[in-house]
Protein backbone atom coordinates (compact mmCIF):
# COMPACT_ATOMS: atom_id res chain seq x y z
CA MET A 1 -136.37 50.67 149.35
CA LYS A 2 -135.77 53.26 152.05
CA ILE A 3 -133.55 56.22 151.19
CA ILE A 4 -132.35 58.53 153.99
CA ASN A 5 -131.38 62.13 153.26
CA ALA A 6 -130.14 63.38 156.64
CA PRO A 7 -128.82 61.97 159.92
CA SER A 8 -130.58 61.99 163.27
CA VAL A 9 -128.68 62.73 166.48
CA TYR A 10 -130.00 61.68 169.89
CA LEU A 11 -128.35 62.84 173.12
CA VAL A 12 -129.04 59.75 175.24
CA GLY A 13 -126.59 60.26 178.08
CA LYS A 14 -125.04 63.14 179.99
CA GLN A 15 -123.53 63.76 183.38
CA GLU A 16 -125.11 64.29 186.75
CA LEU A 17 -123.57 66.38 189.51
CA ASN A 18 -123.27 64.86 192.97
CA SER A 19 -123.85 68.13 194.81
CA LEU A 20 -123.67 66.59 198.29
CA ASP A 21 -120.16 65.23 197.82
CA CYS A 22 -119.07 68.46 196.12
CA ALA A 23 -120.29 70.42 199.14
CA GLU A 24 -118.55 67.98 201.49
CA PHE A 25 -115.27 68.40 199.61
CA LEU A 26 -115.51 72.19 199.71
CA GLU A 27 -116.36 72.24 203.42
CA ALA A 28 -113.44 69.93 204.20
CA HIS A 29 -111.14 72.45 202.54
CA GLY A 30 -112.46 75.55 204.19
CA VAL A 31 -114.62 76.84 201.33
CA ALA A 32 -118.02 77.70 202.71
CA HIS A 33 -119.86 79.67 200.05
CA TRP A 34 -118.57 78.82 196.57
CA ASN A 35 -120.97 77.47 193.99
CA SER A 36 -121.01 77.67 190.21
CA ASP A 37 -123.73 79.77 188.60
CA THR A 38 -124.50 77.14 185.92
CA ASP A 39 -127.23 74.52 186.21
CA ASN A 40 -125.47 72.35 183.63
CA ALA A 41 -123.65 69.43 185.27
CA SER A 42 -120.97 69.14 182.58
CA GLU A 43 -120.11 72.83 182.76
CA HIS A 44 -120.14 72.67 186.55
CA LEU A 45 -117.76 69.68 186.65
CA VAL A 46 -115.34 71.31 184.23
CA GLU A 47 -115.19 74.37 186.48
CA ILE A 48 -114.61 72.24 189.59
CA ALA A 49 -111.83 70.34 187.83
CA GLY A 50 -110.18 73.55 186.69
CA ARG A 51 -110.44 75.27 190.06
CA LEU A 52 -109.05 72.20 191.80
CA CYS A 53 -105.79 72.62 189.89
CA TYR A 54 -105.16 75.92 191.72
CA MET A 55 -107.62 75.61 194.64
CA SER A 56 -109.18 78.86 193.46
CA PHE A 57 -112.67 78.24 194.83
CA ALA A 58 -112.39 81.02 197.41
CA LYS A 59 -111.30 83.59 194.79
CA PRO A 60 -113.54 83.14 191.73
CA ARG A 61 -112.94 85.43 188.76
CA PRO A 62 -115.87 87.70 187.80
CA GLY A 63 -118.29 86.50 185.14
CA GLY A 64 -119.26 83.12 186.50
CA ASN A 65 -118.98 79.76 184.75
CA LYS A 66 -119.04 81.16 181.21
CA ALA A 67 -116.15 83.52 181.87
CA TYR A 68 -114.24 80.74 183.58
CA ILE A 69 -114.66 78.30 180.68
CA ASP A 70 -113.87 81.07 178.15
CA HIS A 71 -110.57 81.55 179.97
CA ILE A 72 -109.89 77.79 179.86
CA LEU A 73 -110.46 77.82 176.10
CA GLU A 74 -108.29 80.91 175.69
CA VAL A 75 -105.28 79.45 177.53
CA GLY A 76 -105.76 75.98 176.07
CA HIS A 77 -106.22 74.14 179.38
CA GLY A 78 -108.09 71.43 177.49
CA SER A 79 -107.52 68.54 179.88
CA VAL A 80 -110.24 69.74 182.26
CA LEU A 81 -112.79 69.47 179.43
CA GLU A 82 -112.25 65.71 179.44
CA HIS A 83 -114.33 65.44 182.63
CA ALA A 84 -117.52 66.36 180.71
CA VAL A 85 -118.96 63.35 178.88
CA TYR A 86 -121.84 63.02 176.39
CA SER A 87 -123.36 59.89 174.84
CA MET A 88 -125.21 60.09 171.52
CA ILE A 89 -126.86 57.75 169.03
CA PHE A 90 -126.45 58.54 165.34
CA THR A 91 -128.88 57.05 162.83
CA GLY A 92 -129.25 57.70 159.14
CA VAL A 93 -125.48 57.62 158.60
CA SER A 94 -123.61 55.49 156.10
CA ARG A 95 -121.02 52.85 156.82
CA SER A 96 -118.67 55.02 154.78
CA LEU A 97 -119.15 57.75 157.39
CA THR A 98 -118.59 55.47 160.37
CA HIS A 99 -115.32 54.23 158.84
CA GLU A 100 -114.12 57.84 159.21
CA LEU A 101 -115.84 58.46 162.53
CA VAL A 102 -114.14 55.59 164.38
CA ARG A 103 -110.73 57.03 163.56
CA HIS A 104 -111.41 59.41 166.45
CA ARG A 105 -109.99 57.16 169.15
CA ALA A 106 -108.80 59.38 172.01
CA GLY A 107 -111.69 60.08 174.37
CA MET A 108 -114.32 58.31 172.22
CA SER A 109 -116.09 54.94 172.48
CA TYR A 110 -118.32 53.21 169.92
CA SER A 111 -120.96 50.49 169.63
CA GLN A 112 -122.24 49.94 166.07
CA LEU A 113 -125.12 48.04 164.53
CA SER A 114 -124.07 44.60 163.25
CA GLN A 115 -125.02 43.65 159.71
CA ARG A 116 -124.91 39.97 160.68
CA TYR A 117 -128.12 40.21 162.71
CA VAL A 118 -130.28 42.66 160.72
CA ASP A 119 -132.26 41.70 157.61
CA LYS A 120 -133.66 45.05 156.49
CA VAL A 121 -131.27 47.62 155.10
CA SER A 122 -131.63 51.27 154.12
CA PHE A 123 -129.36 53.59 152.20
CA VAL A 124 -128.04 57.11 152.75
CA ARG A 125 -128.06 59.39 149.73
CA PRO A 126 -124.78 61.39 149.65
CA PRO A 127 -125.35 65.15 150.06
CA GLY A 128 -123.86 65.85 146.64
CA ILE A 129 -126.39 63.77 144.73
CA LYS A 130 -129.64 65.39 143.61
CA PRO A 131 -132.43 62.79 143.28
CA ASP A 132 -133.65 63.97 139.87
CA SER A 133 -130.22 64.41 138.31
CA PHE A 134 -128.46 61.94 136.02
CA ALA A 135 -126.12 61.00 138.88
CA GLY A 136 -129.13 60.58 141.16
CA ARG A 137 -130.82 58.19 138.76
CA VAL A 138 -127.63 56.16 138.27
CA TRP A 139 -127.14 56.02 142.03
CA ALA A 140 -130.72 54.89 142.69
CA SER A 141 -130.49 52.22 139.99
CA ASN A 142 -127.32 50.79 141.47
CA ILE A 143 -128.75 50.86 144.99
CA ALA A 144 -131.84 48.98 143.83
CA HIS A 145 -129.66 46.40 142.11
CA SER A 146 -127.49 45.97 145.21
CA LEU A 147 -130.54 45.50 147.42
CA ALA A 148 -132.05 42.93 145.08
CA SER A 149 -128.73 41.05 144.93
CA TYR A 150 -128.43 41.11 148.72
CA GLU A 151 -131.94 39.79 149.31
CA SER A 152 -131.72 37.05 146.67
CA MET A 153 -128.30 35.96 147.93
CA ILE A 154 -129.58 35.59 151.49
CA GLU A 155 -132.50 33.46 150.30
CA ASN A 156 -130.33 31.28 148.08
CA LEU A 157 -127.49 30.86 150.56
CA GLU A 158 -129.82 30.00 153.42
CA HIS A 159 -131.66 27.29 151.49
CA ASN A 160 -128.80 25.92 149.40
CA ASP A 161 -125.18 26.66 150.25
CA PHE A 162 -125.73 26.61 154.03
CA SER A 163 -128.57 24.11 154.15
CA GLU A 164 -126.34 21.61 155.97
CA ILE A 165 -126.22 23.90 159.03
CA ASP A 166 -128.81 22.54 161.48
CA ASN A 167 -129.16 25.68 163.59
CA PRO A 168 -131.62 28.05 161.79
CA THR A 169 -130.27 31.15 163.55
CA LEU A 170 -126.68 30.33 162.65
CA ARG A 171 -127.69 29.46 159.09
CA ARG A 172 -129.43 32.84 158.67
CA LYS A 173 -126.44 34.66 160.18
CA ARG A 174 -124.01 32.92 157.83
CA ALA A 175 -126.20 33.87 154.85
CA ARG A 176 -126.37 37.54 155.90
CA GLU A 177 -122.66 37.86 156.61
CA THR A 178 -121.88 36.46 153.16
CA ALA A 179 -124.50 38.45 151.25
CA ARG A 180 -123.53 41.76 152.85
CA SER A 181 -120.43 41.80 150.65
CA VAL A 182 -122.57 43.18 147.80
CA LEU A 183 -123.90 46.12 149.86
CA PRO A 184 -122.39 49.56 149.03
CA ASN A 185 -120.64 52.01 151.35
CA CYS A 186 -123.84 54.09 151.54
CA THR A 187 -125.69 51.35 153.43
CA GLU A 188 -127.28 52.96 156.50
CA THR A 189 -126.07 52.10 159.97
CA LYS A 190 -126.65 53.19 163.55
CA ILE A 191 -123.90 53.88 166.06
CA PHE A 192 -123.73 54.71 169.77
CA VAL A 193 -120.92 57.18 170.54
CA THR A 194 -119.63 58.38 173.90
CA GLY A 195 -117.02 61.11 174.07
CA ASN A 196 -115.69 63.74 176.42
CA ALA A 197 -116.03 67.44 175.62
CA ARG A 198 -112.45 67.78 174.43
CA ALA A 199 -112.84 64.84 172.04
CA TRP A 200 -116.15 66.20 170.76
CA ARG A 201 -114.48 69.57 170.10
CA HIS A 202 -111.77 67.82 168.11
CA PHE A 203 -114.44 66.01 166.10
CA LEU A 204 -116.33 69.24 165.42
CA GLU A 205 -113.23 71.11 164.27
CA LEU A 206 -111.89 68.34 162.06
CA ARG A 207 -115.13 66.99 160.57
CA GLY A 208 -117.03 70.27 160.53
CA SER A 209 -114.52 71.79 158.12
CA ILE A 210 -115.47 72.53 154.52
CA HIS A 211 -112.59 70.23 153.57
CA ALA A 212 -114.20 67.22 155.30
CA ASP A 213 -116.40 64.64 153.57
CA ALA A 214 -119.80 66.26 152.96
CA GLU A 215 -121.80 63.63 154.84
CA ILE A 216 -119.70 63.73 157.99
CA GLN A 217 -119.62 67.54 157.86
CA ARG A 218 -123.42 67.47 157.83
CA LEU A 219 -123.35 65.19 160.88
CA ALA A 220 -120.85 67.43 162.69
CA ILE A 221 -123.16 70.43 162.27
CA ALA A 222 -126.07 68.39 163.66
CA VAL A 223 -123.91 67.32 166.63
CA LEU A 224 -122.91 70.94 167.23
CA ASP A 225 -126.59 71.95 167.42
CA VAL A 226 -127.17 69.30 170.11
CA LEU A 227 -124.07 70.19 172.15
CA GLN A 228 -124.66 73.94 172.01
CA ALA A 229 -128.22 73.47 173.22
CA GLU A 230 -127.03 71.19 176.05
CA SER A 231 -123.83 72.97 177.18
CA PRO A 232 -123.57 76.45 175.63
CA ASN A 233 -120.64 77.49 177.84
CA LEU A 234 -118.55 74.58 176.55
CA PHE A 235 -119.51 74.81 172.87
CA GLY A 236 -120.90 78.30 172.38
CA ASP A 237 -117.68 79.61 170.80
CA TYR A 238 -118.42 77.72 167.57
CA THR A 239 -120.18 79.26 164.59
CA VAL A 240 -121.18 77.74 161.26
CA THR A 241 -119.97 79.72 158.23
CA ASP A 242 -119.53 78.99 154.54
CA GLN A 243 -116.19 77.47 155.57
CA GLY A 244 -117.87 75.06 157.99
CA ILE A 245 -117.60 75.01 161.78
CA GLU A 246 -115.23 77.66 163.07
CA THR A 247 -113.88 78.95 166.40
CA LYS A 248 -111.02 81.15 167.50
CA TRP A 249 -110.16 78.57 170.19
CA ARG A 250 -109.04 75.64 168.05
CA LYS A 251 -107.24 72.53 169.33
CA VAL A 252 -107.92 73.24 173.01
């Protein structure tokens, strides 16, 4: 029985700047020398989008891309952040967590592991449960019982209740989809998530709070680590305190 104690976050997709077309656009509008000082495509695209709103390429404010994005955050011009997109895979998260995660609809897309096609299951231990505590022992006992029930149900359903189904693949799928009803909320799943920078900021602020569910708060902090390493100018205003993820530029 596999027990997982922390999520894994993989940044599997990010944007690429088409510098030739950017240069062609600028030249067509009489801007010969402007270029952002960031090598990060997402930060670069956000600056282009913001400058386009006022055609301010010829008169850049001092401080480069970081200063420009700081000003965007300060004035709340959040729509330009929607042009920066990141795709991640989360593993080691519970189905309880993903039920909360998929409530983030605006600017987010999801593709989740199906329980109808996967035999082996793992479980995510909630952050509040210590393995050697009374609660930890009760939890582990119930998980073991659920797993045993799930496996025996699949075997029995496949060879008895659904034996009249000629197609072996369909028969196995029917058995799994029926047996999964005994699996708990802490059953591990994997989910592919794509979101724009504004949507990711909303996720971080809402789910990174101390008031959020402990498991999804743990995930939000892991996501923040990935996003700050990838695009510090877009996410560098966040800090992790004893109150969770905080910033002075909330709800941009």
